[in-house]
PDB file of N, CA and C in Angstrom:
ATOM      1  N   UNK A   1      -0.365  14.541  10.418  1.00  0.00           N
ATOM      2  CA  UNK A   1       0.443  14.326   9.236  1.00  0.00           C
ATOM      3  C   UNK A   1       1.664  13.487   9.603  1.00  0.00           C
ATOM      4  N   UNK A   2       1.950  12.472   8.795  1.00  0.00           N
ATOM      5  CA  UNK A   2       3.071  11.584   9.066  1.00  0.00           C
ATOM      6  C   UNK A   2       4.386  12.309   8.817  1.00  0.00           C
ATOM      7  N   UNK A   3       5.414  11.947   9.584  1.00  0.00           N
ATOM      8  CA  UNK A   3       6.655  12.698   9.505  1.00  0.00           C
ATOM      9  C   UNK A   3       7.669  12.104   8.535  1.00  0.00           C
ATOM     10  N   UNK A   4       7.845  10.781   8.516  1.00  0.00           N
ATOM     11  CA  UNK A   4       8.842  10.188   7.629  1.00  0.00           C
ATOM     12  C   UNK A   4       8.176   9.282   6.602  1.00  0.00           C
ATOM     13  N   UNK A   5       8.952   8.878   5.604  1.00  0.00           N
ATOM     14  CA  UNK A   5       8.437   7.989   4.558  1.00  0.00           C
ATOM     15  C   UNK A   5       8.015   6.653   5.153  1.00  0.00           C
ATOM     16  N   UNK A   6       8.724   6.197   6.173  1.00  0.00           N
ATOM     17  CA  UNK A   6       8.410   4.908   6.790  1.00  0.00           C
ATOM     18  C   UNK A   6       7.158   4.981   7.660  1.00  0.00           C
ATOM     19  N   UNK A   7       6.760   6.190   8.087  1.00  0.00           N
ATOM     20  CA  UNK A   7       5.487   6.365   8.789  1.00  0.00           C
ATOM     21  C   UNK A   7       4.320   6.317   7.805  1.00  0.00           C
ATOM     22  N   UNK A   8       4.552   6.786   6.579  1.00  0.00           N
ATOM     23  CA  UNK A   8       3.489   6.817   5.570  1.00  0.00           C
ATOM     24  C   UNK A   8       3.244   5.428   5.001  1.00  0.00           C
ATOM     25  N   UNK A   9       4.306   4.734   4.587  1.00  0.00           N
ATOM     26  CA  UNK A   9       4.185   3.386   4.017  1.00  0.00           C
ATOM     27  C   UNK A   9       4.276   2.394   5.168  1.00  0.00           C
ATOM     28  N   UNK A  10       3.163   1.739   5.489  1.00  0.00           N
ATOM     29  CA  UNK A  10       3.142   0.811   6.622  1.00  0.00           C
ATOM     30  C   UNK A  10       3.695  -0.563   6.249  1.00  0.00           C
ATOM     31  N   UNK A  11       3.098  -1.192   5.203  1.00  0.00           N
ATOM     32  CA  UNK A  11       3.536  -2.533   4.791  1.00  0.00           C
ATOM     33  C   UNK A  11       3.034  -2.808   3.389  1.00  0.00           C
ATOM     34  N   UNK A  12       3.691  -3.734   2.675  1.00  0.00           N
ATOM     35  CA  UNK A  12       3.176  -4.127   1.366  1.00  0.00           C
ATOM     36  C   UNK A  12       2.002  -5.080   1.518  1.00  0.00           C
ATOM     37  N   UNK A  13       1.093  -5.073   0.571  1.00  0.00           N
ATOM     38  CA  UNK A  13      -0.033  -5.994   0.552  1.00  0.00           C
ATOM     39  C   UNK A  13       0.357  -7.162  -0.355  1.00  0.00           C
ATOM     40  N   UNK A  14       0.418  -8.360   0.213  1.00  0.00           N
ATOM     41  CA  UNK A  14       0.814  -9.554  -0.541  1.00  0.00           C
ATOM     42  C   UNK A  14      -0.440 -10.411  -0.732  1.00  0.00           C
ATOM     43  N   UNK A  15      -0.992 -10.379  -1.938  1.00  0.00           N
ATOM     44  CA  UNK A  15      -2.157 -11.197  -2.264  1.00  0.00           C
ATOM     45  C   UNK A  15      -2.029 -11.653  -3.711  1.00  0.00           C
ATOM     46  N   UNK A  16      -2.894 -12.552  -4.130  1.00  0.00           N
ATOM     47  CA  UNK A  16      -2.826 -13.033  -5.513  1.00  0.00           C
ATOM     48  C   UNK A  16      -3.037 -11.888  -6.501  1.00  0.00           C
ATOM     49  N   UNK A  17      -4.004 -11.042  -6.221  1.00  0.00           N
ATOM     50  CA  UNK A  17      -4.301  -9.934  -7.130  1.00  0.00           C
ATOM     51  C   UNK A  17      -3.137  -8.944  -7.183  1.00  0.00           C
ATOM     52  N   UNK A  18      -2.596  -8.586  -6.022  1.00  0.00           N
ATOM     53  CA  UNK A  18      -1.507  -7.609  -6.020  1.00  0.00           C
ATOM     54  C   UNK A  18      -0.243  -8.180  -6.668  1.00  0.00           C
ATOM     55  N   UNK A  19       0.005  -9.469  -6.518  1.00  0.00           N
ATOM     56  CA  UNK A  19       1.170 -10.085  -7.147  1.00  0.00           C
ATOM     57  C   UNK A  19       0.995 -10.152  -8.670  1.00  0.00           C
ATOM     58  N   UNK A  20      -0.223 -10.351  -9.138  1.00  0.00           N
ATOM     59  CA  UNK A  20      -0.475 -10.377 -10.578  1.00  0.00           C
ATOM     60  C   UNK A  20      -0.271  -8.992 -11.182  1.00  0.00           C
ATOM     61  N   UNK A  21      -0.529  -7.948 -10.416  1.00  0.00           N
ATOM     62  CA  UNK A  21      -0.383  -6.584 -10.927  1.00  0.00           C
ATOM     63  C   UNK A  21       1.061  -6.107 -10.960  1.00  0.00           C
ATOM     64  N   UNK A  22       1.988  -6.830 -10.300  1.00  0.00           N
ATOM     65  CA  UNK A  22       3.385  -6.410 -10.328  1.00  0.00           C
ATOM     66  C   UNK A  22       3.956  -6.493 -11.742  1.00  0.00           C
ATOM     67  N   UNK A  23       3.403  -7.354 -12.590  1.00  0.00           N
ATOM     68  CA  UNK A  23       3.865  -7.440 -13.976  1.00  0.00           C
ATOM     69  C   UNK A  23       3.559  -6.152 -14.743  1.00  0.00           C
ATOM     70  N   UNK A  24       2.517  -5.436 -14.309  1.00  0.00           N
ATOM     71  CA  UNK A  24       2.152  -4.164 -14.942  1.00  0.00           C
ATOM     72  C   UNK A  24       2.773  -2.975 -14.200  1.00  0.00           C
ATOM     73  N   UNK A  25       3.803  -3.234 -13.393  1.00  0.00           N
ATOM     74  CA  UNK A  25       4.503  -2.212 -12.605  1.00  0.00           C
ATOM     75  C   UNK A  25       3.569  -1.515 -11.621  1.00  0.00           C
ATOM     76  N   UNK A  26       2.682  -2.272 -11.013  1.00  0.00           N
ATOM     77  CA  UNK A  26       1.719  -1.721 -10.058  1.00  0.00           C
ATOM     78  C   UNK A  26       1.886  -2.458  -8.730  1.00  0.00           C
ATOM     79  N   UNK A  27       2.175  -1.711  -7.663  1.00  0.00           N
ATOM     80  CA  UNK A  27       2.458  -2.295  -6.355  1.00  0.00           C
ATOM     81  C   UNK A  27       1.455  -1.755  -5.338  1.00  0.00           C
ATOM     82  N   UNK A  28       1.074  -2.600  -4.377  1.00  0.00           N
ATOM     83  CA  UNK A  28       0.033  -2.267  -3.411  1.00  0.00           C
ATOM     84  C   UNK A  28       0.629  -2.194  -2.003  1.00  0.00           C
ATOM     85  N   UNK A  29       0.266  -1.144  -1.272  1.00  0.00           N
ATOM     86  CA  UNK A  29       0.769  -0.927   0.078  1.00  0.00           C
ATOM     87  C   UNK A  29      -0.364  -0.527   1.016  1.00  0.00           C
ATOM     88  N   UNK A  30      -0.197  -0.868   2.299  1.00  0.00           N
ATOM     89  CA  UNK A  30      -1.033  -0.276   3.340  1.00  0.00           C
ATOM     90  C   UNK A  30      -0.332   1.003   3.769  1.00  0.00           C
ATOM     91  N   UNK A  31      -1.077   2.107   3.801  1.00  0.00           N
ATOM     92  CA  UNK A  31      -0.480   3.409   4.108  1.00  0.00           C
ATOM     93  C   UNK A  31      -1.210   4.071   5.270  1.00  0.00           C
ATOM     94  N   UNK A  32      -0.614   5.152   5.768  1.00  0.00           N
ATOM     95  CA  UNK A  32      -1.216   5.938   6.837  1.00  0.00           C
ATOM     96  C   UNK A  32      -2.532   6.536   6.354  1.00  0.00           C
ATOM     97  N   UNK A  33      -3.563   6.512   7.199  1.00  0.00           N
ATOM     98  CA  UNK A  33      -4.895   6.961   6.786  1.00  0.00           C
ATOM     99  C   UNK A  33      -4.948   8.453   6.462  1.00  0.00           C
ATOM    100  N   UNK A  34      -4.048   9.230   7.042  1.00  0.00           N
ATOM    101  CA  UNK A  34      -4.079  10.677   6.797  1.00  0.00           C
ATOM    102  C   UNK A  34      -3.186  11.096   5.625  1.00  0.00           C
ATOM    103  N   UNK A  35      -2.462  10.162   5.010  1.00  0.00           N
ATOM    104  CA  UNK A  35      -1.545  10.502   3.918  1.00  0.00           C
ATOM    105  C   UNK A  35      -2.319  10.726   2.618  1.00  0.00           C
ATOM    106  N   UNK A  36      -1.877  11.731   1.843  1.00  0.00           N
ATOM    107  CA  UNK A  36      -2.503  11.963   0.546  1.00  0.00           C
ATOM    108  C   UNK A  36      -1.645  11.343  -0.562  1.00  0.00           C
ATOM    109  N   UNK A  37      -2.118  11.425  -1.801  1.00  0.00           N
ATOM    110  CA  UNK A  37      -1.450  10.754  -2.917  1.00  0.00           C
ATOM    111  C   UNK A  37      -0.045  11.306  -3.169  1.00  0.00           C
ATOM    112  N   UNK A  38       0.136  12.592  -3.009  1.00  0.00           N
ATOM    113  CA  UNK A  38       1.447  13.205  -3.240  1.00  0.00           C
ATOM    114  C   UNK A  38       2.445  12.705  -2.200  1.00  0.00           C
ATOM    115  N   UNK A  39       2.034  12.666  -0.933  1.00  0.00           N
ATOM    116  CA  UNK A  39       2.918  12.172   0.122  1.00  0.00           C
ATOM    117  C   UNK A  39       3.263  10.700  -0.089  1.00  0.00           C
ATOM    118  N   UNK A  40       2.280   9.901  -0.529  1.00  0.00           N
ATOM    119  CA  UNK A  40       2.518   8.481  -0.777  1.00  0.00           C
ATOM    120  C   UNK A  40       3.526   8.308  -1.914  1.00  0.00           C
ATOM    121  N   UNK A  41       3.367   9.059  -2.997  1.00  0.00           N
ATOM    122  CA  UNK A  41       4.286   8.968  -4.135  1.00  0.00           C
ATOM    123  C   UNK A  41       5.709   9.340  -3.720  1.00  0.00           C
ATOM    124  N   UNK A  42       5.869  10.415  -2.956  1.00  0.00           N
ATOM    125  CA  UNK A  42       7.196  10.833  -2.510  1.00  0.00           C
ATOM    126  C   UNK A  42       7.824   9.792  -1.579  1.00  0.00           C
ATOM    127  N   UNK A  43       7.006   9.189  -0.710  1.00  0.00           N
ATOM    128  CA  UNK A  43       7.530   8.181   0.217  1.00  0.00           C
ATOM    129  C   UNK A  43       8.017   6.945  -0.527  1.00  0.00           C
ATOM    130  N   UNK A  44       7.258   6.476  -1.527  1.00  0.00           N
ATOM    131  CA  UNK A  44       7.669   5.299  -2.304  1.00  0.00           C
ATOM    132  C   UNK A  44       8.945   5.602  -3.085  1.00  0.00           C
ATOM    133  N   UNK A  45       9.024   6.795  -3.680  1.00  0.00           N
ATOM    134  CA  UNK A  45      10.230   7.180  -4.414  1.00  0.00           C
ATOM    135  C   UNK A  45      11.442   7.239  -3.490  1.00  0.00           C
ATOM    136  N   UNK A  46      11.254   7.732  -2.264  1.00  0.00           N
ATOM    137  CA  UNK A  46      12.357   7.850  -1.314  1.00  0.00           C
ATOM    138  C   UNK A  46      12.810   6.486  -0.804  1.00  0.00           C
ATOM    139  N   UNK A  47      11.881   5.625  -0.467  1.00  0.00           N
ATOM    140  CA  UNK A  47      12.230   4.327   0.123  1.00  0.00           C
ATOM    141  C   UNK A  47      12.841   3.384  -0.908  1.00  0.00           C
ATOM    142  N   UNK A  48      12.217   3.273  -2.083  1.00  0.00           N
ATOM    143  CA  UNK A  48      12.619   2.266  -3.065  1.00  0.00           C
ATOM    144  C   UNK A  48      13.458   2.818  -4.216  1.00  0.00           C
ATOM    145  N   UNK A  49      13.602   4.121  -4.342  1.00  0.00           N
ATOM    146  CA  UNK A  49      14.405   4.706  -5.405  1.00  0.00           C
ATOM    147  C   UNK A  49      13.828   4.477  -6.793  1.00  0.00           C
ATOM    148  N   UNK A  50      12.516   4.635  -6.940  1.00  0.00           N
ATOM    149  CA  UNK A  50      11.824   4.423  -8.220  1.00  0.00           C
ATOM    150  C   UNK A  50      11.113   5.713  -8.619  1.00  0.00           C
ATOM    151  N   UNK A  51      10.547   5.743  -9.837  1.00  0.00           N
ATOM    152  CA  UNK A  51       9.753   6.882 -10.303  1.00  0.00           C
ATOM    153  C   UNK A  51       8.286   6.474 -10.326  1.00  0.00           C
ATOM    154  N   UNK A  52       7.444   7.230  -9.643  1.00  0.00           N
ATOM    155  CA  UNK A  52       6.018   6.928  -9.545  1.00  0.00           C
ATOM    156  C   UNK A  52       5.265   7.706 -10.616  1.00  0.00           C
ATOM    157  N   UNK A  53       4.414   6.990 -11.377  1.00  0.00           N
ATOM    158  CA  UNK A  53       3.589   7.629 -12.400  1.00  0.00           C
ATOM    159  C   UNK A  53       2.223   8.007 -11.849  1.00  0.00           C
ATOM    160  N   UNK A  54       1.625   7.131 -11.031  1.00  0.00           N
ATOM    161  CA  UNK A  54       0.251   7.347 -10.587  1.00  0.00           C
ATOM    162  C   UNK A  54       0.033   6.650  -9.247  1.00  0.00           C
ATOM    163  N   UNK A  55      -0.848   7.213  -8.422  1.00  0.00           N
ATOM    164  CA  UNK A  55      -1.224   6.612  -7.140  1.00  0.00           C
ATOM    165  C   UNK A  55      -2.746   6.585  -7.053  1.00  0.00           C
ATOM    166  N   UNK A  56      -3.303   5.408  -6.789  1.00  0.00           N
ATOM    167  CA  UNK A  56      -4.731   5.270  -6.520  1.00  0.00           C
ATOM    168  C   UNK A  56      -4.881   4.843  -5.065  1.00  0.00           C
ATOM    169  N   UNK A  57      -5.874   5.399  -4.349  1.00  0.00           N
ATOM    170  CA  UNK A  57      -6.064   5.071  -2.938  1.00  0.00           C
ATOM    171  C   UNK A  57      -7.493   4.619  -2.679  1.00  0.00           C
ATOM    172  N   UNK A  58      -7.637   3.787  -1.651  1.00  0.00           N
ATOM    173  CA  UNK A  58      -8.946   3.332  -1.180  1.00  0.00           C
ATOM    174  C   UNK A  58      -8.942   3.348   0.334  1.00  0.00           C
ATOM    175  N   UNK A  59     -10.035   3.803   0.931  1.00  0.00           N
ATOM    176  CA  UNK A  59     -10.221   3.677   2.371  1.00  0.00           C
ATOM    177  C   UNK A  59     -10.948   2.367   2.619  1.00  0.00           C
ATOM    178  N   UNK A  60     -10.272   1.429   3.302  1.00  0.00           N
ATOM    179  CA  UNK A  60     -10.825   0.102   3.554  1.00  0.00           C
ATOM    180  C   UNK A  60     -11.514   0.094   4.915  1.00  0.00           C
ATOM    181  N   UNK A  61     -12.736  -0.438   4.955  1.00  0.00           N
ATOM    182  CA  UNK A  61     -13.480  -0.519   6.201  1.00  0.00           C
ATOM    183  C   UNK A  61     -13.021  -1.741   6.988  1.00  0.00           C
ATOM    184  N   UNK A  62     -12.879  -1.606   8.296  1.00  0.00           N
ATOM    185  CA  UNK A  62     -12.481  -2.723   9.143  1.00  0.00           C
ATOM    186  C   UNK A  62     -13.611  -3.740   9.229  1.00  0.00           C
ATOM    187  N   UNK A  63     -13.227  -5.016   9.250  1.00  0.00           N
ATOM    188  CA  UNK A  63     -14.232  -6.077   9.303  1.00  0.00           C
ATOM    189  C   UNK A  63     -14.845  -6.181  10.695  1.00  0.00           C
ATOM    190  N   UNK A  64     -16.108  -6.574  10.750  1.00  0.00           N
ATOM    191  CA  UNK A  64     -16.762  -6.855  12.024  1.00  0.00           C
ATOM    192  C   UNK A  64     -16.355  -8.251  12.459  1.00  0.00           C
ATOM    193  N   UNK A  65     -15.894  -8.392  13.697  1.00  0.00           N
ATOM    194  CA  UNK A  65     -15.413  -9.676  14.204  1.00  0.00           C
ATOM    195  C   UNK A  65     -16.025  -9.950  15.575  1.00  0.00           C
ATOM    196  N   UNK A  66     -16.121 -11.220  15.925  1.00  0.00           N
ATOM    197  CA  UNK A  66     -16.547 -11.580  17.276  1.00  0.00           C
ATOM    198  C   UNK A  66     -15.886 -12.889  17.677  1.00  0.00           C
ATOM    199  N   UNK A  67     -15.771 -13.107  18.964  1.00  0.00           N
ATOM    200  CA  UNK A  67     -15.168 -14.324  19.505  1.00  0.00           C
ATOM    201  C   UNK A  67     -16.250 -15.034  20.315  1.00  0.00           C
ATOM    202  N   UNK A  68     -16.782 -16.144  19.804  1.00  0.00           N
ATOM    203  CA  UNK A  68     -17.821 -16.884  20.517  1.00  0.00           C
ATOM    204  C   UNK A  68     -19.082 -16.053  20.653  1.00  0.00           C
ATOM    205  N   UNK A  69     -19.603 -15.958  21.877  1.00  0.00           N
ATOM    206  CA  UNK A  69     -20.842 -15.210  22.091  1.00  0.00           C
ATOM    207  C   UNK A  69     -20.595 -13.804  22.626  1.00  0.00           C
ATOM    208  N   UNK A  70     -19.358 -13.365  22.595  1.00  0.00           N
ATOM    209  CA  UNK A  70     -19.051 -12.011  23.054  1.00  0.00           C
ATOM    210  C   UNK A  70     -19.623 -10.978  22.086  1.00  0.00           C
ATOM    211  N   UNK A  71     -19.764  -9.742  22.529  1.00  0.00           N
ATOM    212  CA  UNK A  71     -20.284  -8.719  21.617  1.00  0.00           C
ATOM    213  C   UNK A  71     -19.353  -8.513  20.424  1.00  0.00           C
ATOM    214  N   UNK A  72     -19.956  -8.095  19.356  1.00  0.00           N
ATOM    215  CA  UNK A  72     -19.207  -7.886  18.122  1.00  0.00           C
ATOM    216  C   UNK A  72     -18.277  -6.684  18.252  1.00  0.00           C
ATOM    217  N   UNK A  73     -17.068  -6.815  17.689  1.00  0.00           N
ATOM    218  CA  UNK A  73     -16.113  -5.713  17.651  1.00  0.00           C
ATOM    219  C   UNK A  73     -15.709  -5.457  16.211  1.00  0.00           C
ATOM    220  N   UNK A  74     -14.834  -4.502  16.016  1.00  0.00           N
ATOM    221  CA  UNK A  74     -14.373  -4.181  14.660  1.00  0.00           C
ATOM    222  C   UNK A  74     -12.862  -4.172  14.612  1.00  0.00           C
ATOM    223  N   UNK A  75     -12.347  -4.608  13.474  1.00  0.00           N
ATOM    224  CA  UNK A  75     -10.939  -4.390  13.187  1.00  0.00           C
ATOM    225  C   UNK A  75     -10.800  -2.950  12.724  1.00  0.00           C
ATOM    226  N   UNK A  76      -9.598  -2.383  12.853  1.00  0.00           N
ATOM    227  CA  UNK A  76      -9.456  -0.966  12.499  1.00  0.00           C
ATOM    228  C   UNK A  76      -9.601  -0.711  11.001  1.00  0.00           C
ATOM    229  N   UNK A  77     -10.103   0.479  10.662  1.00  0.00           N
ATOM    230  CA  UNK A  77     -10.148   0.918   9.271  1.00  0.00           C
ATOM    231  C   UNK A  77      -8.721   1.194   8.826  1.00  0.00           C
ATOM    232  N   UNK A  78      -8.433   1.071   7.522  1.00  0.00           N
ATOM    233  CA  UNK A  78      -7.098   1.329   7.011  1.00  0.00           C
ATOM    234  C   UNK A  78      -7.166   1.833   5.583  1.00  0.00           C
ATOM    235  N   UNK A  79      -6.052   2.318   5.078  1.00  0.00           N
ATOM    236  CA  UNK A  79      -6.001   2.891   3.741  1.00  0.00           C
ATOM    237  C   UNK A  79      -5.054   2.068   2.871  1.00  0.00           C
ATOM    238  N   UNK A  80      -5.490   1.808   1.639  1.00  0.00           N
ATOM    239  CA  UNK A  80      -4.697   1.031   0.689  1.00  0.00           C
ATOM    240  C   UNK A  80      -4.319   1.934  -0.473  1.00  0.00           C
ATOM    241  N   UNK A  81      -3.069   1.810  -0.933  1.00  0.00           N
ATOM    242  CA  UNK A  81      -2.594   2.600  -2.073  1.00  0.00           C
ATOM    243  C   UNK A  81      -2.016   1.678  -3.128  1.00  0.00           C
ATOM    244  N   UNK A  82      -2.462   1.855  -4.381  1.00  0.00           N
ATOM    245  CA  UNK A  82      -1.890   1.144  -5.517  1.00  0.00           C
ATOM    246  C   UNK A  82      -1.007   2.136  -6.263  1.00  0.00           C
ATOM    247  N   UNK A  83       0.280   1.831  -6.312  1.00  0.00           N
ATOM    248  CA  UNK A  83       1.268   2.731  -6.895  1.00  0.00           C
ATOM    249  C   UNK A  83       1.716   2.163  -8.239  1.00  0.00           C
ATOM    250  N   UNK A  84       1.569   2.957  -9.308  1.00  0.00           N
ATOM    251  CA  UNK A  84       2.009   2.563 -10.644  1.00  0.00           C
ATOM    252  C   UNK A  84       3.313   3.291 -10.953  1.00  0.00           C
ATOM    253  N   UNK A  85       4.311   2.541 -11.412  1.00  0.00           N
ATOM    254  CA  UNK A  85       5.616   3.110 -11.737  1.00  0.00           C
ATOM    255  C   UNK A  85       5.682   3.497 -13.209  1.00  0.00           C
ATOM    256  N   UNK A  86       6.581   4.409 -13.530  1.00  0.00           N
ATOM    257  CA  UNK A  86       6.781   4.813 -14.917  1.00  0.00           C
ATOM    258  C   UNK A  86       7.467   3.681 -15.684  1.00  0.00           C
ATOM    259  N   UNK A  87       7.289   3.622 -17.019  1.00  0.00           N
ATOM    260  CA  UNK A  87       7.913   2.541 -17.799  1.00  0.00           C
ATOM    261  C   UNK A  87       9.437   2.523 -17.729  1.00  0.00           C
ATOM    262  N   UNK A  88      10.077   3.703 -17.564  1.00  0.00           N
ATOM    263  CA  UNK A  88      11.537   3.736 -17.516  1.00  0.00           C
ATOM    264  C   UNK A  88      12.098   3.553 -16.108  1.00  0.00           C
ATOM    265  N   UNK A  89      11.245   3.374 -15.111  1.00  0.00           N
ATOM    266  CA  UNK A  89      11.685   3.188 -13.734  1.00  0.00           C
ATOM    267  C   UNK A  89      12.094   1.735 -13.498  1.00  0.00           C
ATOM    268  N   UNK A  90      12.995   1.538 -12.534  1.00  0.00           N
ATOM    269  CA  UNK A  90      13.343   0.169 -12.161  1.00  0.00           C
ATOM    270  C   UNK A  90      12.207  -0.417 -11.317  1.00  0.00           C
ATOM    271  N   UNK A  91      12.203  -1.742 -11.150  1.00  0.00           N
ATOM    272  CA  UNK A  91      11.156  -2.389 -10.366  1.00  0.00           C
ATOM    273  C   UNK A  91      11.531  -2.377  -8.888  1.00  0.00           C
ATOM    274  N   UNK A  92      10.572  -2.701  -8.044  1.00  0.00           N
ATOM    275  CA  UNK A  92      10.821  -2.799  -6.606  1.00  0.00           C
ATOM    276  C   UNK A  92      11.257  -4.228  -6.317  1.00  0.00           C
ATOM    277  N   UNK A  93      12.494  -4.404  -5.864  1.00  0.00           N
ATOM    278  CA  UNK A  93      13.073  -5.733  -5.686  1.00  0.00           C
ATOM    279  C   UNK A  93      12.369  -6.544  -4.605  1.00  0.00           C
ATOM    280  N   UNK A  94      11.726  -5.846  -3.663  1.00  0.00           N
ATOM    281  CA  UNK A  94      11.066  -6.536  -2.555  1.00  0.00           C
ATOM    282  C   UNK A  94      10.039  -7.559  -3.057  1.00  0.00           C
ATOM    283  N   UNK A  95       9.369  -7.245  -4.164  1.00  0.00           N
ATOM    284  CA  UNK A  95       8.308  -8.094  -4.691  1.00  0.00           C
ATOM    285  C   UNK A  95       8.812  -9.145  -5.676  1.00  0.00           C
ATOM    286  N   UNK A  96      10.074  -9.087  -6.085  1.00  0.00           N
ATOM    287  CA  UNK A  96      10.553  -9.910  -7.196  1.00  0.00           C
ATOM    288  C   UNK A  96      10.441 -11.404  -6.943  1.00  0.00           C
ATOM    289  N   UNK A  97      10.879 -11.903  -5.788  1.00  0.00           N
ATOM    290  CA  UNK A  97      10.901 -13.339  -5.548  1.00  0.00           C
ATOM    291  C   UNK A  97       9.553 -13.948  -5.198  1.00  0.00           C
ATOM    292  N   UNK A  98       8.518 -13.146  -5.086  1.00  0.00           N
ATOM    293  CA  UNK A  98       7.221 -13.649  -4.620  1.00  0.00           C
ATOM    294  C   UNK A  98       6.268 -14.009  -5.741  1.00  0.00           C
ATOM    295  N   UNK A  99       6.583 -13.619  -6.970  1.00  0.00           N
ATOM    296  CA  UNK A  99       5.663 -13.878  -8.083  1.00  0.00           C
ATOM    297  C   UNK A  99       5.865 -15.292  -8.580  1.00  0.00           C
TER     298      UNK A  99
END
């Protein structure tokens, strides 16, 4: 079990799809694989000072990769969380300049 909010929330996911969803108050993060939805919601509220309405999670499979003729390896598996904020909550400023 992760100990602090910064251990649970690893990094934001910056992609075209995730940036388009920021208009609907929905933000995407890479999170700790053992974290549950309640822990993720509390961590986002603590770090960014917002109100979380809903959390959706996905376990992402690591891609198979190889370098030349070497044996195939895998990138690590990871967990993705889409966090939806309440309508009366403020937005997360980190994402503001990227849209």
